[in-house]
Amino acid sequence: WDDIQFEAVETLRKEADARGLSLASVAIAWVLRQPGVTSAIFGASRPDQLDAAWSALDLEFDEDLSKVCDTLWWRLPRRPIAEGYR
């Protein structure tokens, strides 16, 4: 993990909190909005985590939240795929 990844999570957490949304709901909803993505795999060990995942299905993104998520995604470091990893 790099500091930039922790900073991205904190930024996204603040944006989600400001809208009264859970961080997990926003993250799952954003993944599902991506072209070519047909499902999201998530884990839940508590009922509230499952509730957050379900609420992602109905979450409406405003333009600002969409821009924040996209910007944070493109700031993350990219690493080459190690040969034989896939």
PDB file of N, CA and C in Angstrom:
ATOM      1  N   TRP A   1       0.837  -1.183   0.000  1.00  0.00           N
ATOM      2  CA  TRP A   1       0.000   0.000   0.000  1.00  0.00           C
ATOM      3  C   TRP A   1       0.879   1.241   0.000  1.00  0.00           C
ATOM      4  N   ASP A   2       0.425   2.240  -0.740  1.00  0.00           N
ATOM      5  CA  ASP A   2       1.122   3.523  -0.804  1.00  0.00           C
ATOM      6  C   ASP A   2       0.281   4.575  -0.105  1.00  0.00           C
ATOM      7  N   ASP A   3       0.928   5.649   0.329  1.00  0.00           N
ATOM      8  CA  ASP A   3       0.203   6.738   0.977  1.00  0.00           C
ATOM      9  C   ASP A   3      -0.909   7.281   0.083  1.00  0.00           C
ATOM     10  N   ILE A   4      -0.674   7.324  -1.216  1.00  0.00           N
ATOM     11  CA  ILE A   4      -1.683   7.861  -2.128  1.00  0.00           C
ATOM     12  C   ILE A   4      -2.969   7.027  -2.084  1.00  0.00           C
ATOM     13  N   GLN A   5      -2.856   5.737  -1.832  1.00  0.00           N
ATOM     14  CA  GLN A   5      -4.043   4.888  -1.729  1.00  0.00           C
ATOM     15  C   GLN A   5      -4.819   5.198  -0.451  1.00  0.00           C
ATOM     16  N   PHE A   6      -4.114   5.389   0.653  1.00  0.00           N
ATOM     17  CA  PHE A   6      -4.774   5.762   1.904  1.00  0.00           C
ATOM     18  C   PHE A   6      -5.424   7.137   1.784  1.00  0.00           C
ATOM     19  N   GLU A   7      -4.746   8.056   1.113  1.00  0.00           N
ATOM     20  CA  GLU A   7      -5.307   9.396   0.899  1.00  0.00           C
ATOM     21  C   GLU A   7      -6.568   9.327   0.044  1.00  0.00           C
ATOM     22  N   ALA A   8      -6.567   8.480  -0.958  1.00  0.00           N
ATOM     23  CA  ALA A   8      -7.744   8.325  -1.819  1.00  0.00           C
ATOM     24  C   ALA A   8      -8.931   7.806  -1.017  1.00  0.00           C
ATOM     25  N   VAL A   9      -8.687   6.832  -0.157  1.00  0.00           N
ATOM     26  CA  VAL A   9      -9.769   6.288   0.676  1.00  0.00           C
ATOM     27  C   VAL A   9     -10.311   7.364   1.608  1.00  0.00           C
ATOM     28  N   GLU A  10      -9.441   8.139   2.219  1.00  0.00           N
ATOM     29  CA  GLU A  10      -9.890   9.201   3.125  1.00  0.00           C
ATOM     30  C   GLU A  10     -10.693  10.266   2.385  1.00  0.00           C
ATOM     31  N   THR A  11     -10.242  10.630   1.206  1.00  0.00           N
ATOM     32  CA  THR A  11     -10.981  11.605   0.397  1.00  0.00           C
ATOM     33  C   THR A  11     -12.360  11.063   0.049  1.00  0.00           C
ATOM     34  N   LEU A  12     -12.407   9.823  -0.369  1.00  0.00           N
ATOM     35  CA  LEU A  12     -13.684   9.220  -0.731  1.00  0.00           C
ATOM     36  C   LEU A  12     -14.588   9.076   0.495  1.00  0.00           C
ATOM     37  N   ARG A  13     -14.012   8.744   1.641  1.00  0.00           N
ATOM     38  CA  ARG A  13     -14.789   8.629   2.872  1.00  0.00           C
ATOM     39  C   ARG A  13     -15.445   9.971   3.219  1.00  0.00           C
ATOM     40  N   LYS A  14     -14.694  11.056   3.090  1.00  0.00           N
ATOM     41  CA  LYS A  14     -15.241  12.389   3.377  1.00  0.00           C
ATOM     42  C   LYS A  14     -16.377  12.742   2.423  1.00  0.00           C
ATOM     43  N   GLU A  15     -16.204  12.406   1.152  1.00  0.00           N
ATOM     44  CA  GLU A  15     -17.244  12.672   0.156  1.00  0.00           C
ATOM     45  C   GLU A  15     -18.500  11.855   0.455  1.00  0.00           C
ATOM     46  N   ALA A  16     -18.314  10.609   0.813  1.00  0.00           N
ATOM     47  CA  ALA A  16     -19.454   9.748   1.134  1.00  0.00           C
ATOM     48  C   ALA A  16     -20.158  10.243   2.396  1.00  0.00           C
ATOM     49  N   ASP A  17     -19.382  10.566   3.424  1.00  0.00           N
ATOM     50  CA  ASP A  17     -19.959  11.067   4.673  1.00  0.00           C
ATOM     51  C   ASP A  17     -20.760  12.344   4.445  1.00  0.00           C
ATOM     52  N   ALA A  18     -20.240  13.236   3.613  1.00  0.00           N
ATOM     53  CA  ALA A  18     -20.911  14.509   3.342  1.00  0.00           C
ATOM     54  C   ALA A  18     -22.276  14.291   2.680  1.00  0.00           C
ATOM     55  N   ARG A  19     -22.439  13.159   2.014  1.00  0.00           N
ATOM     56  CA  ARG A  19     -23.697  12.851   1.329  1.00  0.00           C
ATOM     57  C   ARG A  19     -24.565  11.874   2.122  1.00  0.00           C
ATOM     58  N   GLY A  20     -24.081  11.489   3.312  1.00  0.00           N
ATOM     59  CA  GLY A  20     -24.821  10.535   4.133  1.00  0.00           C
ATOM     60  C   GLY A  20     -24.798   9.127   3.573  1.00  0.00           C
ATOM     61  N   LEU A  21     -23.741   8.789   2.842  1.00  0.00           N
ATOM     62  CA  LEU A  21     -23.602   7.473   2.211  1.00  0.00           C
ATOM     63  C   LEU A  21     -22.484   6.691   2.875  1.00  0.00           C
ATOM     64  N   SER A  22     -22.538   5.377   2.764  1.00  0.00           N
ATOM     65  CA  SER A  22     -21.431   4.581   3.286  1.00  0.00           C
ATOM     66  C   SER A  22     -20.332   4.500   2.231  1.00  0.00           C
ATOM     67  N   LEU A  23     -19.122   4.406   2.696  1.00  0.00           N
ATOM     68  CA  LEU A  23     -17.973   4.284   1.792  1.00  0.00           C
ATOM     69  C   LEU A  23     -18.099   3.024   0.937  1.00  0.00           C
ATOM     70  N   ALA A  24     -18.525   1.929   1.549  1.00  0.00           N
ATOM     71  CA  ALA A  24     -18.666   0.672   0.800  1.00  0.00           C
ATOM     72  C   ALA A  24     -19.715   0.801  -0.297  1.00  0.00           C
ATOM     73  N   SER A  25     -20.831   1.439  -0.002  1.00  0.00           N
ATOM     74  CA  SER A  25     -21.884   1.614  -1.013  1.00  0.00           C
ATOM     75  C   SER A  25     -21.378   2.407  -2.201  1.00  0.00           C
ATOM     76  N   VAL A  26     -20.665   3.485  -1.914  1.00  0.00           N
ATOM     77  CA  VAL A  26     -20.139   4.325  -2.990  1.00  0.00           C
ATOM     78  C   VAL A  26     -19.137   3.537  -3.824  1.00  0.00           C
ATOM     79  N   ALA A  27     -18.245   2.810  -3.176  1.00  0.00           N
ATOM     80  CA  ALA A  27     -17.223   2.055  -3.905  1.00  0.00           C
ATOM     81  C   ALA A  27     -17.853   0.984  -4.800  1.00  0.00           C
ATOM     82  N   ILE A  28     -18.797   0.235  -4.256  1.00  0.00           N
ATOM     83  CA  ILE A  28     -19.438  -0.815  -5.046  1.00  0.00           C
ATOM     84  C   ILE A  28     -20.252  -0.215  -6.193  1.00  0.00           C
ATOM     85  N   ALA A  29     -20.986   0.844  -5.893  1.00  0.00           N
ATOM     86  CA  ALA A  29     -21.793   1.492  -6.938  1.00  0.00           C
ATOM     87  C   ALA A  29     -20.904   2.021  -8.058  1.00  0.00           C
ATOM     88  N   TRP A  30     -19.753   2.610  -7.706  1.00  0.00           N
ATOM     89  CA  TRP A  30     -18.850   3.139  -8.731  1.00  0.00           C
ATOM     90  C   TRP A  30     -18.323   2.012  -9.615  1.00  0.00           C
ATOM     91  N   VAL A  31     -17.934   0.896  -9.004  1.00  0.00           N
ATOM     92  CA  VAL A  31     -17.451  -0.247  -9.787  1.00  0.00           C
ATOM     93  C   VAL A  31     -18.521  -0.714 -10.763  1.00  0.00           C
ATOM     94  N   LEU A  32     -19.755  -0.807 -10.284  1.00  0.00           N
ATOM     95  CA  LEU A  32     -20.833  -1.288 -11.144  1.00  0.00           C
ATOM     96  C   LEU A  32     -21.168  -0.326 -12.273  1.00  0.00           C
ATOM     97  N   ARG A  33     -20.792   0.945 -12.139  1.00  0.00           N
ATOM     98  CA  ARG A  33     -21.050   1.938 -13.181  1.00  0.00           C
ATOM     99  C   ARG A  33     -20.033   1.880 -14.317  1.00  0.00           C
ATOM    100  N   GLN A  34     -18.969   1.127 -14.134  1.00  0.00           N
ATOM    101  CA  GLN A  34     -17.908   1.108 -15.134  1.00  0.00           C
ATOM    102  C   GLN A  34     -18.322   0.294 -16.354  1.00  0.00           C
ATOM    103  N   PRO A  35     -17.997   0.797 -17.544  1.00  0.00           N
ATOM    104  CA  PRO A  35     -18.330   0.054 -18.774  1.00  0.00           C
ATOM    105  C   PRO A  35     -17.692  -1.333 -18.755  1.00  0.00           C
ATOM    106  N   GLY A  36     -18.460  -2.306 -19.130  1.00  0.00           N
ATOM    107  CA  GLY A  36     -17.945  -3.666 -19.202  1.00  0.00           C
ATOM    108  C   GLY A  36     -18.017  -4.443 -17.904  1.00  0.00           C
ATOM    109  N   VAL A  37     -18.344  -3.779 -16.811  1.00  0.00           N
ATOM    110  CA  VAL A  37     -18.453  -4.471 -15.526  1.00  0.00           C
ATOM    111  C   VAL A  37     -19.891  -4.947 -15.364  1.00  0.00           C
ATOM    112  N   THR A  38     -20.050  -6.224 -15.143  1.00  0.00           N
ATOM    113  CA  THR A  38     -21.396  -6.781 -14.992  1.00  0.00           C
ATOM    114  C   THR A  38     -21.688  -7.251 -13.579  1.00  0.00           C
ATOM    115  N   SER A  39     -20.659  -7.316 -12.734  1.00  0.00           N
ATOM    116  CA  SER A  39     -20.873  -7.713 -11.342  1.00  0.00           C
ATOM    117  C   SER A  39     -19.710  -7.222 -10.502  1.00  0.00           C
ATOM    118  N   ALA A  40     -19.945  -7.177  -9.207  1.00  0.00           N
ATOM    119  CA  ALA A  40     -18.889  -6.798  -8.260  1.00  0.00           C
ATOM    120  C   ALA A  40     -18.821  -7.884  -7.197  1.00  0.00           C
ATOM    121  N   ILE A  41     -17.638  -8.312  -6.867  1.00  0.00           N
ATOM    122  CA  ILE A  41     -17.448  -9.314  -5.831  1.00  0.00           C
ATOM    123  C   ILE A  41     -17.096  -8.579  -4.542  1.00  0.00           C
ATOM    124  N   PHE A  42     -17.836  -8.858  -3.496  1.00  0.00           N
ATOM    125  CA  PHE A  42     -17.563  -8.233  -2.216  1.00  0.00           C
ATOM    126  C   PHE A  42     -17.741  -9.268  -1.122  1.00  0.00           C
ATOM    127  N   GLY A  43     -17.188  -8.980   0.019  1.00  0.00           N
ATOM    128  CA  GLY A  43     -17.339  -9.871   1.158  1.00  0.00           C
ATOM    129  C   GLY A  43     -18.045  -9.131   2.285  1.00  0.00           C
ATOM    130  N   ALA A  44     -18.773  -9.870   3.076  1.00  0.00           N
ATOM    131  CA  ALA A  44     -19.462  -9.286   4.220  1.00  0.00           C
ATOM    132  C   ALA A  44     -19.389 -10.259   5.386  1.00  0.00           C
ATOM    133  N   SER A  45     -18.983  -9.754   6.521  1.00  0.00           N
ATOM    134  CA  SER A  45     -18.944 -10.598   7.719  1.00  0.00           C
ATOM    135  C   SER A  45     -19.930 -10.092   8.774  1.00  0.00           C
ATOM    136  N   ARG A  46     -20.587  -8.963   8.473  1.00  0.00           N
ATOM    137  CA  ARG A  46     -21.585  -8.396   9.393  1.00  0.00           C
ATOM    138  C   ARG A  46     -22.790  -7.937   8.575  1.00  0.00           C
ATOM    139  N   PRO A  47     -23.959  -7.936   9.165  1.00  0.00           N
ATOM    140  CA  PRO A  47     -25.165  -7.511   8.438  1.00  0.00           C
ATOM    141  C   PRO A  47     -25.070  -6.095   7.862  1.00  0.00           C
ATOM    142  N   ASP A  48     -24.426  -5.166   8.584  1.00  0.00           N
ATOM    143  CA  ASP A  48     -24.331  -3.796   8.070  1.00  0.00           C
ATOM    144  C   ASP A  48     -23.493  -3.728   6.797  1.00  0.00           C
ATOM    145  N   GLN A  49     -22.528  -4.620   6.659  1.00  0.00           N
ATOM    146  CA  GLN A  49     -21.734  -4.653   5.434  1.00  0.00           C
ATOM    147  C   GLN A  49     -22.579  -5.156   4.267  1.00  0.00           C
ATOM    148  N   LEU A  50     -23.422  -6.107   4.521  1.00  0.00           N
ATOM    149  CA  LEU A  50     -24.322  -6.604   3.488  1.00  0.00           C
ATOM    150  C   LEU A  50     -25.336  -5.526   3.108  1.00  0.00           C
ATOM    151  N   ASP A  51     -25.842  -4.793   4.095  1.00  0.00           N
ATOM    152  CA  ASP A  51     -26.764  -3.681   3.824  1.00  0.00           C
ATOM    153  C   ASP A  51     -26.112  -2.632   2.929  1.00  0.00           C
ATOM    154  N   ALA A  52     -24.841  -2.326   3.189  1.00  0.00           N
ATOM    155  CA  ALA A  52     -24.124  -1.342   2.368  1.00  0.00           C
ATOM    156  C   ALA A  52     -24.005  -1.810   0.929  1.00  0.00           C
ATOM    157  N   ALA A  53     -23.748  -3.099   0.756  1.00  0.00           N
ATOM    158  CA  ALA A  53     -23.632  -3.645  -0.599  1.00  0.00           C
ATOM    159  C   ALA A  53     -24.971  -3.578  -1.324  1.00  0.00           C
ATOM    160  N   TRP A  54     -26.049  -3.949  -0.648  1.00  0.00           N
ATOM    161  CA  TRP A  54     -27.376  -3.892  -1.267  1.00  0.00           C
ATOM    162  C   TRP A  54     -27.759  -2.471  -1.628  1.00  0.00           C
ATOM    163  N   SER A  55     -27.449  -1.525  -0.749  1.00  0.00           N
ATOM    164  CA  SER A  55     -27.842  -0.139  -1.030  1.00  0.00           C
ATOM    165  C   SER A  55     -27.073   0.447  -2.204  1.00  0.00           C
ATOM    166  N   ALA A  56     -25.933  -0.142  -2.537  1.00  0.00           N
ATOM    167  CA  ALA A  56     -25.161   0.321  -3.699  1.00  0.00           C
ATOM    168  C   ALA A  56     -25.947   0.158  -4.990  1.00  0.00           C
ATOM    169  N   LEU A  57     -26.834  -0.815  -5.021  1.00  0.00           N
ATOM    170  CA  LEU A  57     -27.602  -1.072  -6.244  1.00  0.00           C
ATOM    171  C   LEU A  57     -28.554   0.072  -6.588  1.00  0.00           C
ATOM    172  N   ASP A  58     -29.009   0.803  -5.573  1.00  0.00           N
ATOM    173  CA  ASP A  58     -29.948   1.903  -5.792  1.00  0.00           C
ATOM    174  C   ASP A  58     -29.304   3.282  -5.663  1.00  0.00           C
ATOM    175  N   LEU A  59     -28.006   3.302  -5.433  1.00  0.00           N
ATOM    176  CA  LEU A  59     -27.341   4.579  -5.195  1.00  0.00           C
ATOM    177  C   LEU A  59     -27.304   5.414  -6.477  1.00  0.00           C
ATOM    178  N   GLU A  60     -27.747   6.651  -6.373  1.00  0.00           N
ATOM    179  CA  GLU A  60     -27.731   7.591  -7.496  1.00  0.00           C
ATOM    180  C   GLU A  60     -26.477   8.460  -7.372  1.00  0.00           C
ATOM    181  N   PHE A  61     -25.651   8.437  -8.386  1.00  0.00           N
ATOM    182  CA  PHE A  61     -24.437   9.259  -8.399  1.00  0.00           C
ATOM    183  C   PHE A  61     -24.777  10.634  -8.956  1.00  0.00           C
ATOM    184  N   ASP A  62     -24.347  11.680  -8.253  1.00  0.00           N
ATOM    185  CA  ASP A  62     -24.428  13.001  -8.876  1.00  0.00           C
ATOM    186  C   ASP A  62     -23.125  13.222  -9.646  1.00  0.00           C
ATOM    187  N   GLU A  63     -23.109  14.235 -10.468  1.00  0.00           N
ATOM    188  CA  GLU A  63     -21.940  14.488 -11.325  1.00  0.00           C
ATOM    189  C   GLU A  63     -20.673  14.717 -10.498  1.00  0.00           C
ATOM    190  N   ASP A  64     -20.795  15.428  -9.378  1.00  0.00           N
ATOM    191  CA  ASP A  64     -19.618  15.701  -8.542  1.00  0.00           C
ATOM    192  C   ASP A  64     -19.021  14.427  -7.947  1.00  0.00           C
ATOM    193  N   LEU A  65     -19.876  13.549  -7.423  1.00  0.00           N
ATOM    194  CA  LEU A  65     -19.370  12.310  -6.845  1.00  0.00           C
ATOM    195  C   LEU A  65     -18.725  11.435  -7.915  1.00  0.00           C
ATOM    196  N   SER A  66     -19.301  11.408  -9.063  1.00  0.00           N
ATOM    197  CA  SER A  66     -18.728  10.647 -10.162  1.00  0.00           C
ATOM    198  C   SER A  66     -17.335  11.176 -10.520  1.00  0.00           C
ATOM    199  N   LYS A  67     -17.200  12.486 -10.584  1.00  0.00           N
ATOM    200  CA  LYS A  67     -15.898  13.091 -10.909  1.00  0.00           C
ATOM    201  C   LYS A  67     -14.872  12.794  -9.825  1.00  0.00           C
ATOM    202  N   VAL A  68     -15.294  12.858  -8.560  1.00  0.00           N
ATOM    203  CA  VAL A  68     -14.370  12.563  -7.456  1.00  0.00           C
ATOM    204  C   VAL A  68     -13.855  11.132  -7.575  1.00  0.00           C
ATOM    205  N   CYS A  69     -14.760  10.189  -7.764  1.00  0.00           N
ATOM    206  CA  CYS A  69     -14.365   8.780  -7.872  1.00  0.00           C
ATOM    207  C   CYS A  69     -13.431   8.551  -9.064  1.00  0.00           C
ATOM    208  N   ASP A  70     -13.791   9.111 -10.206  1.00  0.00           N
ATOM    209  CA  ASP A  70     -12.954   8.949 -11.397  1.00  0.00           C
ATOM    210  C   ASP A  70     -11.563   9.550 -11.194  1.00  0.00           C
ATOM    211  N   THR A  71     -11.523  10.732 -10.624  1.00  0.00           N
ATOM    212  CA  THR A  71     -10.236  11.402 -10.389  1.00  0.00           C
ATOM    213  C   THR A  71      -9.370  10.595  -9.438  1.00  0.00           C
ATOM    214  N   LEU A  72      -9.963  10.108  -8.348  1.00  0.00           N
ATOM    215  CA  LEU A  72      -9.194   9.303  -7.396  1.00  0.00           C
ATOM    216  C   LEU A  72      -8.669   8.031  -8.046  1.00  0.00           C
ATOM    217  N   TRP A  73      -9.490   7.394  -8.858  1.00  0.00           N
ATOM    218  CA  TRP A  73      -9.070   6.171  -9.542  1.00  0.00           C
ATOM    219  C   TRP A  73      -7.849   6.423 -10.423  1.00  0.00           C
ATOM    220  N   TRP A  74      -7.886   7.490 -11.209  1.00  0.00           N
ATOM    221  CA  TRP A  74      -6.795   7.741 -12.150  1.00  0.00           C
ATOM    222  C   TRP A  74      -5.540   8.267 -11.473  1.00  0.00           C
ATOM    223  N   ARG A  75      -5.626   8.688 -10.224  1.00  0.00           N
ATOM    224  CA  ARG A  75      -4.428   9.104  -9.473  1.00  0.00           C
ATOM    225  C   ARG A  75      -3.664   7.925  -8.883  1.00  0.00           C
ATOM    226  N   LEU A  76      -4.322   6.788  -8.760  1.00  0.00           N
ATOM    227  CA  LEU A  76      -3.670   5.633  -8.144  1.00  0.00           C
ATOM    228  C   LEU A  76      -2.536   5.128  -9.020  1.00  0.00           C
ATOM    229  N   PRO A  77      -1.467   4.653  -8.374  1.00  0.00           N
ATOM    230  CA  PRO A  77      -0.324   4.153  -9.155  1.00  0.00           C
ATOM    231  C   PRO A  77      -0.697   2.903  -9.945  1.00  0.00           C
ATOM    232  N   ARG A  78      -0.150   2.800 -11.122  1.00  0.00           N
ATOM    233  CA  ARG A  78      -0.356   1.631 -11.970  1.00  0.00           C
ATOM    234  C   ARG A  78       0.921   0.796 -11.945  1.00  0.00           C
ATOM    235  N   ARG A  79       0.745  -0.485 -11.831  1.00  0.00           N
ATOM    236  CA  ARG A  79       1.895  -1.382 -11.808  1.00  0.00           C
ATOM    237  C   ARG A  79       1.732  -2.405 -12.928  1.00  0.00           C
ATOM    238  N   PRO A  80       2.812  -2.783 -13.556  1.00  0.00           N
ATOM    239  CA  PRO A  80       2.700  -3.801 -14.609  1.00  0.00           C
ATOM    240  C   PRO A  80       2.279  -5.142 -13.996  1.00  0.00           C
ATOM    241  N   ILE A  81       1.573  -5.926 -14.775  1.00  0.00           N
ATOM    242  CA  ILE A  81       1.157  -7.257 -14.334  1.00  0.00           C
ATOM    243  C   ILE A  81       2.358  -8.182 -14.424  1.00  0.00           C
ATOM    244  N   ALA A  82       2.631  -8.884 -13.339  1.00  0.00           N
ATOM    245  CA  ALA A  82       3.757  -9.815 -13.315  1.00  0.00           C
ATOM    246  C   ALA A  82       3.467 -10.999 -14.230  1.00  0.00           C
ATOM    247  N   GLU A  83       4.434 -11.397 -14.987  1.00  0.00           N
ATOM    248  CA  GLU A  83       4.284 -12.523 -15.898  1.00  0.00           C
ATOM    249  C   GLU A  83       3.853 -13.768 -15.118  1.00  0.00           C
ATOM    250  N   GLY A  84       2.867 -14.465 -15.627  1.00  0.00           N
ATOM    251  CA  GLY A  84       2.396 -15.663 -14.971  1.00  0.00           C
ATOM    252  C   GLY A  84       1.381 -15.403 -13.866  1.00  0.00           C
ATOM    253  N   TYR A  85       1.080 -14.130 -13.577  1.00  0.00           N
ATOM    254  CA  TYR A  85       0.166 -13.801 -12.485  1.00  0.00           C
ATOM    255  C   TYR A  85      -1.275 -14.126 -12.828  1.00  0.00           C
ATOM    256  N   ARG A  86      -1.643 -13.843 -14.079  1.00  0.00           N
ATOM    257  CA  ARG A  86      -3.035 -14.057 -14.472  1.00  0.00           C
ATOM    258  C   ARG A  86      -3.315 -15.493 -14.534  1.00  0.00           C
TER     259      ARG A  86
END
